[in-house]
Amino acid sequence: MAAAGLGGALAVNATAADGTAADPAAASTAATACYRLTSETVEGPYYIDADKLRRDITEDREGIPLLLGLTVIDSVTCRPIRNAAVDIWHCDAVGVYSGYEDQGSGGGGPAPTGEPPTGTPTGIPTGPPPGGGTGHQEPTDDTRYLRGTWRTDRHGRVTFRTVFPGWYQGRCAHIHTKVHVDGEWTEAGYEGGHACHTGQFFFSEESVLASAEREPYASNTTTRTTLTEDGIYDQSGTTGGLLRLRYDKRHIGRGVRGSITVGVDPDETHDGQDGGGGGGGPVPSVSPSASPSA
């Protein structure tokens, strides 16, 4: 499977339209100072072992087009990491994750109806907490929109086509990611190896506010958590996963280009459990249930 050069369209040293500073990872791989290790985060409850080898993950979801360009490098040597398997997944414009549609917006579920319960509560609460917890939840349906896996090219680049994510209770707009290395690409997919990075990508407040003025985002009535209020984003800018964005401020609906360089330690295992620490084990095999799409 060849990863086409769409990622080259996103210059890593560009200044963002929203004022985000240029990425220091744009420096030559021969530079003496290497890019800092990108922050690890929790996996969250909505990860599904990648079963869609594709770069266009949009399917039928409506929203502002987003071209997401990622460059994966070794944070020690600065060299690009080729043939890594990169997963991304995120909610749609109104905060719903594929595979978990019956849980509503980010696991909060639909608003209760009828008279409130009386008496002493019984039983143990089920389902993820507001905003998503760290414990994995098994999928409840077969939808897989806004999820996909693709391989990095010889420059460490991979590009996905998707839509600008919405938000749900307790979380700002974000995209989840995993980077798998030391596995093997076969006719059956990506097999073996381990996850060396589990993280999230974030969006500037300016861009999210602009998106919120357009449908279907305007239909999302969930109270929005801002970037500075979010409990997962560590407020460290690019190192914490803050994307560099390009878009027309007057016409964001025409599309957004996001890019970031992800510095990882390929010798470490970070599967996103218990705050992104080690542990884990072999990465499950990836089955190419859909033909790779451009």
Protein backbone atom coordinates (compact mmCIF):
# COMPACT_ATOMS: atom_id res chain seq x y z
CA MET A 1 0.00 0.00 0.00
CA ALA A 2 1.54 3.24 -1.08
CA ALA A 3 0.85 6.41 0.84
CA ALA A 4 0.47 9.21 -1.68
CA GLY A 5 2.12 12.57 -1.18
CA LEU A 6 -0.90 14.60 -0.14
CA GLY A 7 0.91 15.60 3.02
CA GLY A 8 3.40 17.61 1.03
CA ALA A 9 0.72 20.18 0.38
CA LEU A 10 0.89 21.25 4.00
CA ALA A 11 4.11 23.16 4.61
CA VAL A 12 5.31 22.50 8.12
CA ASN A 13 6.76 25.96 8.60
CA ALA A 14 3.69 27.92 7.60
CA THR A 15 2.17 30.56 9.85
CA ALA A 16 -1.41 29.73 10.77
CA ALA A 17 -4.31 31.89 9.72
CA ASP A 18 -5.44 31.92 13.33
CA GLY A 19 -2.14 33.22 14.62
CA THR A 20 -0.68 29.98 15.95
CA ALA A 21 3.09 30.10 15.94
CA ALA A 22 5.06 28.20 13.33
CA ASP A 23 6.07 24.67 14.28
CA PRO A 24 9.72 24.36 15.42
CA ALA A 25 9.77 20.88 13.88
CA ALA A 26 10.13 22.54 10.49
CA ALA A 27 13.86 22.68 11.09
CA SER A 28 16.13 20.38 9.13
CA THR A 29 16.57 16.86 10.46
CA ALA A 30 20.25 17.75 10.75
CA ALA A 31 19.50 20.46 13.32
CA THR A 32 21.24 20.13 16.66
CA ALA A 33 18.10 20.84 18.70
CA CYS A 34 15.43 18.21 18.16
CA TYR A 35 11.68 18.55 18.43
CA ARG A 36 10.27 17.93 21.90
CA LEU A 37 8.38 14.76 22.70
CA THR A 38 4.69 15.28 22.00
CA SER A 39 2.41 14.99 25.04
CA GLU A 40 0.86 11.61 25.78
CA THR A 41 -2.83 11.52 26.70
CA VAL A 42 -5.43 8.96 27.66
CA GLU A 43 -6.92 6.83 24.91
CA GLY A 44 -10.48 7.64 25.93
CA PRO A 45 -13.46 5.28 25.83
CA TYR A 46 -14.17 5.33 22.09
CA TYR A 47 -11.13 3.73 20.47
CA ILE A 48 -11.84 0.87 18.07
CA ASP A 49 -9.00 -1.29 16.75
CA ALA A 50 -8.46 0.13 13.30
CA ASP A 51 -10.41 -1.75 10.67
CA LYS A 52 -10.51 0.96 8.00
CA LEU A 53 -7.29 1.42 6.03
CA ARG A 54 -8.05 4.74 4.39
CA ARG A 55 -7.12 8.40 4.30
CA ASP A 56 -10.57 9.79 3.57
CA ILE A 57 -12.58 9.03 6.69
CA THR A 58 -15.50 11.40 6.07
CA GLU A 59 -18.11 8.93 4.79
CA ASP A 60 -21.52 10.66 4.98
CA ARG A 61 -20.73 13.11 7.77
CA GLU A 62 -21.58 16.74 7.13
CA GLY A 63 -19.25 19.49 8.23
CA ILE A 64 -16.43 21.82 7.30
CA PRO A 65 -13.83 19.93 5.20
CA LEU A 66 -10.59 19.35 7.08
CA LEU A 67 -7.31 18.25 5.50
CA LEU A 68 -5.11 17.01 8.35
CA GLY A 69 -1.39 16.67 7.61
CA LEU A 70 0.79 14.86 10.15
CA THR A 71 4.56 14.38 10.21
CA VAL A 72 5.89 11.72 12.58
CA ILE A 73 9.52 12.00 13.67
CA ASP A 74 11.86 10.42 16.20
CA SER A 75 12.13 13.02 18.98
CA VAL A 76 15.76 12.07 19.65
CA THR A 77 17.23 11.83 16.15
CA CYS A 78 14.72 14.13 14.39
CA ARG A 79 14.54 11.59 11.58
CA PRO A 80 11.16 10.86 10.00
CA ILE A 81 9.53 7.57 10.95
CA ARG A 82 8.39 5.77 7.81
CA ASN A 83 5.83 2.98 7.52
CA ALA A 84 4.27 3.76 10.90
CA ALA A 85 0.55 3.08 11.20
CA VAL A 86 -1.31 6.23 12.27
CA ASP A 87 -4.87 6.02 13.60
CA ILE A 88 -7.17 9.00 13.98
CA TRP A 89 -10.74 9.12 15.26
CA HIS A 90 -13.09 11.87 16.42
CA CYS A 91 -16.72 12.84 16.91
CA ASP A 92 -18.90 14.44 14.26
CA ALA A 93 -20.20 18.03 14.20
CA VAL A 94 -22.80 17.37 16.91
CA GLY A 95 -20.51 15.37 19.19
CA VAL A 96 -21.39 11.78 18.26
CA TYR A 97 -18.78 9.02 17.78
CA SER A 98 -19.29 6.25 15.28
CA GLY A 99 -19.61 2.87 16.93
CA TYR A 100 -21.33 4.53 19.89
CA GLU A 101 -24.29 6.35 18.38
CA ASP A 102 -26.76 5.22 21.02
CA GLN A 103 -24.69 6.98 23.66
CA GLY A 104 -25.53 10.33 22.14
CA SER A 105 -23.21 13.31 22.32
CA GLY A 106 -19.90 12.10 23.71
CA GLY A 107 -21.46 9.44 25.91
CA GLY A 108 -23.85 11.80 27.62
CA GLY A 109 -26.83 10.14 25.96
CA PRO A 110 -30.17 11.79 25.20
CA ALA A 111 -31.76 14.11 27.72
CA PRO A 112 -34.01 12.29 30.22
CA THR A 113 -37.76 12.55 29.78
CA GLY A 114 -40.69 12.14 32.15
CA GLU A 115 -40.89 12.68 35.88
CA PRO A 116 -37.62 12.58 37.84
CA PRO A 117 -37.07 9.41 39.92
CA THR A 118 -37.85 9.43 43.62
CA GLY A 119 -36.50 7.45 46.53
CA THR A 120 -33.04 6.05 47.11
CA PRO A 121 -31.07 5.24 43.92
CA THR A 122 -30.31 1.56 43.39
CA GLY A 123 -27.83 -0.24 41.23
CA ILE A 124 -24.48 0.87 39.89
CA PRO A 125 -24.29 3.65 37.28
CA THR A 126 -23.22 2.45 33.84
CA GLY A 127 -21.76 4.13 30.80
CA PRO A 128 -18.90 6.61 30.47
CA PRO A 129 -18.81 9.77 32.58
CA PRO A 130 -19.57 13.16 30.98
CA GLY A 131 -16.85 14.14 28.56
CA GLY A 132 -15.60 10.58 28.20
CA GLY A 133 -13.59 8.58 30.70
CA THR A 134 -10.35 6.66 30.45
CA GLY A 135 -11.93 3.20 30.50
CA HIS A 136 -12.55 1.60 27.13
CA GLN A 137 -16.17 1.05 26.08
CA GLU A 138 -17.09 -1.73 23.69
CA PRO A 139 -18.73 -0.51 20.44
CA THR A 140 -22.51 -0.67 20.34
CA ASP A 141 -23.03 -0.45 16.57
CA ASP A 142 -21.26 -1.07 13.26
CA THR A 143 -20.80 2.54 12.09
CA ARG A 144 -17.18 3.60 11.52
CA TYR A 145 -17.30 7.13 10.08
CA LEU A 146 -14.54 9.56 11.08
CA ARG A 147 -12.11 6.73 11.82
CA GLY A 148 -9.19 5.53 9.76
CA THR A 149 -5.61 4.28 9.61
CA TRP A 150 -2.85 4.98 7.09
CA ARG A 151 0.90 4.59 6.81
CA THR A 152 3.54 7.30 6.91
CA ASP A 153 5.66 7.80 3.80
CA ARG A 154 9.45 8.03 3.68
CA HIS A 155 9.23 11.59 4.99
CA GLY A 156 7.16 10.48 7.96
CA ARG A 157 4.08 12.18 6.53
CA VAL A 158 0.48 11.07 6.36
CA THR A 159 -2.61 13.07 5.42
CA PHE A 160 -6.27 12.46 6.22
CA ARG A 161 -9.41 13.99 4.75
CA THR A 162 -12.19 14.44 7.29
CA VAL A 163 -14.44 17.16 8.72
CA PHE A 164 -13.82 19.70 11.46
CA PRO A 165 -14.87 17.99 14.71
CA GLY A 166 -17.62 19.23 16.96
CA TRP A 167 -17.70 19.04 20.75
CA TYR A 168 -19.51 17.25 23.55
CA GLN A 169 -20.04 17.58 27.29
CA GLY A 170 -16.83 18.26 29.19
CA ARG A 171 -14.44 18.38 26.23
CA CYS A 172 -13.23 20.94 23.73
CA ALA A 173 -12.97 20.11 20.01
CA HIS A 174 -10.27 17.47 19.48
CA ILE A 175 -9.04 14.53 17.40
CA HIS A 176 -7.57 11.35 18.87
CA THR A 177 -4.50 9.65 17.43
CA LYS A 178 -2.28 6.60 17.91
CA VAL A 179 1.07 5.89 16.26
CA HIS A 180 2.06 2.22 15.87
CA VAL A 181 5.62 1.12 15.00
CA ASP A 182 7.67 -2.07 14.62
CA GLY A 183 4.77 -3.89 13.00
CA GLU A 184 4.53 -5.22 9.47
CA TRP A 185 2.33 -4.18 6.58
CA THR A 186 0.99 -7.32 4.93
CA GLU A 187 -1.88 -8.26 2.66
CA ALA A 188 -3.92 -8.70 5.83
CA GLY A 189 -3.15 -5.18 7.03
CA TYR A 190 -0.82 -3.93 9.78
CA GLU A 191 0.23 -6.66 12.17
CA GLY A 192 2.19 -6.74 15.43
CA GLY A 193 4.29 -3.88 16.75
CA HIS A 194 3.31 -1.51 19.53
CA ALA A 195 1.77 1.92 20.08
CA CYS A 196 4.58 4.39 20.75
CA HIS A 197 2.25 7.38 21.05
CA THR A 198 -1.34 8.02 22.08
CA GLY A 199 -2.37 11.65 21.89
CA GLN A 200 -4.93 14.22 20.87
CA PHE A 201 -4.94 17.19 18.50
CA PHE A 202 -6.60 20.47 19.46
CA PHE A 203 -8.03 23.52 17.72
CA SER A 204 -7.72 27.23 18.49
CA GLU A 205 -10.71 28.93 20.10
CA GLU A 206 -10.97 31.29 17.15
CA SER A 207 -11.45 28.45 14.69
CA VAL A 208 -13.99 26.63 16.87
CA LEU A 209 -16.03 29.80 17.36
CA ALA A 210 -16.02 30.34 13.59
CA SER A 211 -17.20 26.77 12.98
CA ALA A 212 -19.98 27.14 15.58
CA GLU A 213 -21.68 29.77 13.40
CA ARG A 214 -22.28 27.26 10.63
CA GLU A 215 -24.53 24.23 10.33
CA PRO A 216 -24.46 21.49 11.46
CA TYR A 217 -22.26 22.81 14.28
CA ALA A 218 -24.81 25.49 15.13
CA SER A 219 -27.27 22.68 15.92
CA ASN A 220 -24.97 21.34 18.64
CA THR A 221 -26.62 22.71 21.78
CA THR A 222 -24.20 21.05 24.23
CA THR A 223 -22.43 23.56 26.47
CA ARG A 224 -18.98 23.96 24.96
CA THR A 225 -15.78 23.51 26.95
CA THR A 226 -13.11 26.00 25.83
CA LEU A 227 -9.51 25.13 25.06
CA THR A 228 -8.29 26.65 28.32
CA GLU A 229 -10.97 24.81 30.31
CA ASP A 230 -10.25 21.39 28.85
CA GLY A 231 -8.89 18.86 31.33
CA ILE A 232 -6.89 16.86 28.77
CA TYR A 233 -5.07 19.59 26.84
CA ASP A 234 -1.96 20.55 28.85
CA GLN A 235 -1.83 24.15 27.54
CA SER A 236 1.65 23.65 26.07
CA GLY A 237 0.86 24.63 22.49
CA THR A 238 2.28 22.50 19.71
CA THR A 239 3.91 20.07 22.14
CA GLY A 240 0.48 19.44 23.65
CA GLY A 241 -1.11 18.78 20.26
CA LEU A 242 -2.31 22.25 19.24
CA LEU A 243 -2.73 22.20 15.47
CA ARG A 244 -1.44 24.85 13.09
CA LEU A 245 -4.46 25.88 11.02
CA ARG A 246 -5.00 27.58 7.67
CA TYR A 247 -8.41 28.83 6.59
CA ASP A 248 -10.20 31.86 5.26
CA LYS A 249 -11.50 33.65 8.33
CA ARG A 250 -14.42 35.04 6.36
CA HIS A 251 -15.33 31.71 4.79
CA ILE A 252 -14.25 28.87 7.06
CA GLY A 253 -16.89 26.69 5.41
CA ARG A 254 -14.65 26.40 2.37
CA GLY A 255 -12.32 24.20 4.37
CA VAL A 256 -9.49 24.09 6.89
CA ARG A 257 -5.96 22.75 6.62
CA GLY A 258 -4.42 21.54 9.85
CA SER A 259 -0.89 20.29 10.38
CA ILE A 260 1.49 19.31 13.13
CA THR A 261 4.76 17.44 13.65
CA VAL A 262 4.47 14.64 16.19
CA GLY A 263 7.66 13.80 18.07
CA VAL A 264 7.64 10.23 19.41
CA ASP A 265 10.03 7.78 21.04
CA PRO A 266 9.68 4.63 18.91
CA ASP A 267 11.29 2.51 21.63
CA GLU A 268 8.62 3.35 24.20
CA THR A 269 5.11 1.95 24.58
CA HIS A 270 2.32 4.45 25.20
CA ASP A 271 -1.07 2.84 24.69
CA GLY A 272 -3.09 5.58 26.38
CA GLN A 273 -4.09 3.56 29.42
CA ASP A 274 -3.84 5.21 32.84
CA GLY A 275 -2.82 8.59 31.53
CA GLY A 276 -0.81 7.45 28.55
CA GLY A 277 1.84 5.56 30.48
CA GLY A 278 3.54 2.37 29.39
CA GLY A 279 2.15 -1.11 29.39
CA GLY A 280 0.15 -2.44 26.53
CA GLY A 281 1.53 -5.19 24.37
CA PRO A 282 1.27 -6.16 20.72
CA VAL A 283 -0.97 -4.07 18.53
CA PRO A 284 -3.93 -6.10 17.25
CA SER A 285 -3.90 -6.92 13.58
CA VAL A 286 -5.53 -4.43 11.25
CA SER A 287 -7.91 -5.93 8.76
CA PRO A 288 -8.40 -4.02 5.48
CA SER A 289 -12.17 -4.18 5.47
CA ALA A 290 -12.33 -1.25 3.07
CA SER A 291 -10.21 -0.40 0.08
CA PRO A 292 -7.69 2.39 0.75
CA SER A 293 -9.14 5.62 -0.59
CA ALA A 294 -7.41 8.84 -1.56
